[in-house]
Amino acid sequence: MQENHLFEYAIVRVVPKVEREEFINVGVILYCPSKKFLGCLFTLNESKLNMMNCQLDMEELKQHLNAFEKICMGAKDGGPIARLDLPSRFRWLTATRSTVLQSSKVHPGLSPDPARMLDHLHRQLVL
């Protein structure tokens, strides 16, 4: 039997009109300290966003999501935040924001395989 590991995750949302507080889930960020795992998965459903009658620049939104991925992966071209340790990067990515790209509150869970759990949460909460 595989050992379960504590993880934390947050849902990444696009909030086209911040003042209306309506959003569409576009991704999940998952952090598991014991496995030294920090991962994210994003799916941008442009037709759902267009149904909200918003005037978002999709290319700019994709660039912001790409920046989130680079920070999550610790990419060399991800800027100074990407050079922080895993816990600091997760906390930065899930910090409260009042912008078009926001994350939910952080939720805990247990899983033997954080990567599989990330995929499961992405399918369940985003797709």
Protein backbone atom coordinates (compact mmCIF):
# COMPACT_ATOMS: atom_id res chain seq x y z
CA MET A 1 0.00 0.00 0.00
CA GLN A 2 1.35 3.40 -0.98
CA GLU A 3 1.82 6.09 1.62
CA ASN A 4 -0.41 9.14 1.34
CA HIS A 5 1.26 12.55 1.25
CA LEU A 6 -0.25 15.82 2.38
CA PHE A 7 -0.69 18.29 -0.47
CA GLU A 8 -2.21 21.73 -0.97
CA TYR A 9 -3.89 23.01 -4.08
CA ALA A 10 -5.63 26.08 -5.43
CA ILE A 11 -7.81 26.62 -8.46
CA VAL A 12 -6.72 29.33 -10.89
CA ARG A 13 -9.56 31.43 -12.22
CA VAL A 14 -10.08 34.05 -14.89
CA VAL A 15 -12.24 36.87 -13.57
CA PRO A 16 -13.08 38.93 -16.69
CA LYS A 17 -14.91 41.69 -14.81
CA VAL A 18 -13.46 41.84 -11.31
CA GLU A 19 -16.28 44.04 -10.04
CA ARG A 20 -18.85 41.33 -10.93
CA GLU A 21 -16.86 38.53 -9.24
CA GLU A 22 -17.83 36.04 -11.95
CA PHE A 23 -15.11 33.60 -12.93
CA ILE A 24 -14.15 30.57 -14.99
CA ASN A 25 -11.76 27.94 -13.65
CA VAL A 26 -8.75 27.62 -15.95
CA GLY A 27 -6.20 25.69 -13.93
CA VAL A 28 -4.93 24.03 -10.77
CA ILE A 29 -1.70 24.51 -8.82
CA LEU A 30 -0.66 21.69 -6.48
CA TYR A 31 2.16 21.64 -3.91
CA CYS A 32 3.34 18.55 -1.99
CA PRO A 33 6.25 19.35 0.36
CA SER A 34 7.18 15.75 1.22
CA LYS A 35 7.55 14.87 -2.48
CA LYS A 36 9.16 18.25 -3.33
CA PHE A 37 6.46 18.62 -5.99
CA LEU A 38 5.01 21.83 -7.37
CA GLY A 39 2.94 21.51 -10.51
CA CYS A 40 0.23 23.26 -12.46
CA LEU A 41 -2.11 22.47 -15.32
CA PHE A 42 -4.05 25.05 -17.32
CA THR A 43 -6.76 24.85 -19.96
CA LEU A 44 -8.07 28.11 -21.37
CA ASN A 45 -11.56 27.60 -22.81
CA GLU A 46 -11.98 30.69 -24.99
CA SER A 47 -15.57 29.84 -25.96
CA LYS A 48 -16.61 29.83 -22.26
CA LEU A 49 -14.91 33.18 -21.76
CA ASN A 50 -16.61 34.61 -24.83
CA MET A 51 -19.99 33.54 -23.41
CA MET A 52 -19.37 35.95 -20.52
CA ASN A 53 -19.36 38.80 -23.04
CA CYS A 54 -15.97 40.05 -21.93
CA GLN A 55 -13.39 41.96 -23.91
CA LEU A 56 -10.27 40.12 -22.74
CA ASP A 57 -7.08 40.09 -24.76
CA MET A 58 -6.64 36.31 -25.07
CA GLU A 59 -2.98 36.57 -26.08
CA GLU A 60 -2.21 38.64 -22.99
CA LEU A 61 -4.11 36.17 -20.82
CA LYS A 62 -2.12 33.28 -22.32
CA GLN A 63 1.11 35.16 -21.55
CA HIS A 64 0.06 35.55 -17.91
CA LEU A 65 -0.76 31.84 -17.65
CA ASN A 66 2.59 31.06 -19.26
CA ALA A 67 4.29 33.23 -16.61
CA PHE A 68 2.47 31.25 -13.89
CA GLU A 69 3.78 28.01 -15.44
CA LYS A 70 7.34 29.32 -15.60
CA ILE A 71 7.22 30.40 -11.96
CA CYS A 72 5.73 27.06 -10.95
CA MET A 73 8.48 25.14 -12.80
CA GLY A 74 11.24 27.43 -11.55
CA ALA A 75 12.23 28.20 -15.15
CA LYS A 76 15.37 30.28 -15.64
CA ASP A 77 13.41 32.76 -17.74
CA GLY A 78 10.60 32.95 -15.14
CA GLY A 79 11.97 36.03 -13.38
CA PRO A 80 13.00 36.50 -9.76
CA ILE A 81 9.92 34.75 -8.30
CA ALA A 82 10.78 31.58 -10.25
CA ARG A 83 14.14 31.46 -8.42
CA LEU A 84 12.50 31.19 -5.00
CA ASP A 85 12.14 27.85 -3.20
CA LEU A 86 9.04 25.67 -3.81
CA PRO A 87 7.00 26.82 -0.78
CA SER A 88 7.62 30.50 -1.57
CA ARG A 89 6.67 30.04 -5.22
CA PHE A 90 3.44 28.24 -4.24
CA ARG A 91 2.54 30.97 -1.75
CA TRP A 92 3.23 33.68 -4.34
CA LEU A 93 1.15 31.91 -7.02
CA THR A 94 -1.78 31.46 -4.63
CA ALA A 95 -1.64 34.90 -3.00
CA THR A 96 -4.87 36.91 -2.98
CA ARG A 97 -5.17 39.21 -6.00
CA SER A 98 -7.80 41.57 -7.34
CA THR A 99 -6.83 41.09 -10.98
CA VAL A 100 -8.23 39.18 -13.93
CA LEU A 101 -6.16 36.11 -12.98
CA GLN A 102 -6.84 34.90 -9.41
CA SER A 103 -6.54 31.76 -7.34
CA SER A 104 -9.01 30.20 -4.95
CA LYS A 105 -8.28 29.67 -1.30
CA VAL A 106 -5.78 26.89 -0.67
CA HIS A 107 -7.27 23.46 0.06
CA PRO A 108 -5.51 20.43 1.62
CA GLY A 109 -5.65 16.79 0.65
CA LEU A 110 -3.88 13.44 0.80
CA SER A 111 -2.58 11.40 -2.11
CA PRO A 112 0.13 8.82 -2.81
CA ASP A 113 0.90 10.49 -6.16
CA PRO A 114 0.73 14.32 -6.39
CA ALA A 115 1.15 14.38 -10.18
CA ARG A 116 -1.82 12.05 -10.68
CA MET A 117 -3.84 14.07 -8.17
CA LEU A 118 -3.04 17.27 -10.08
CA ASP A 119 -4.34 15.67 -13.27
CA HIS A 120 -7.46 14.41 -11.44
CA LEU A 121 -8.22 17.83 -9.93
CA HIS A 122 -7.68 19.51 -13.31
CA ARG A 123 -10.14 17.16 -14.99
CA GLN A 124 -12.66 17.50 -12.15
CA LEU A 125 -12.50 21.26 -11.56
CA VAL A 126 -11.49 22.78 -14.89
CA LEU A 127 -12.48 20.57 -17.82
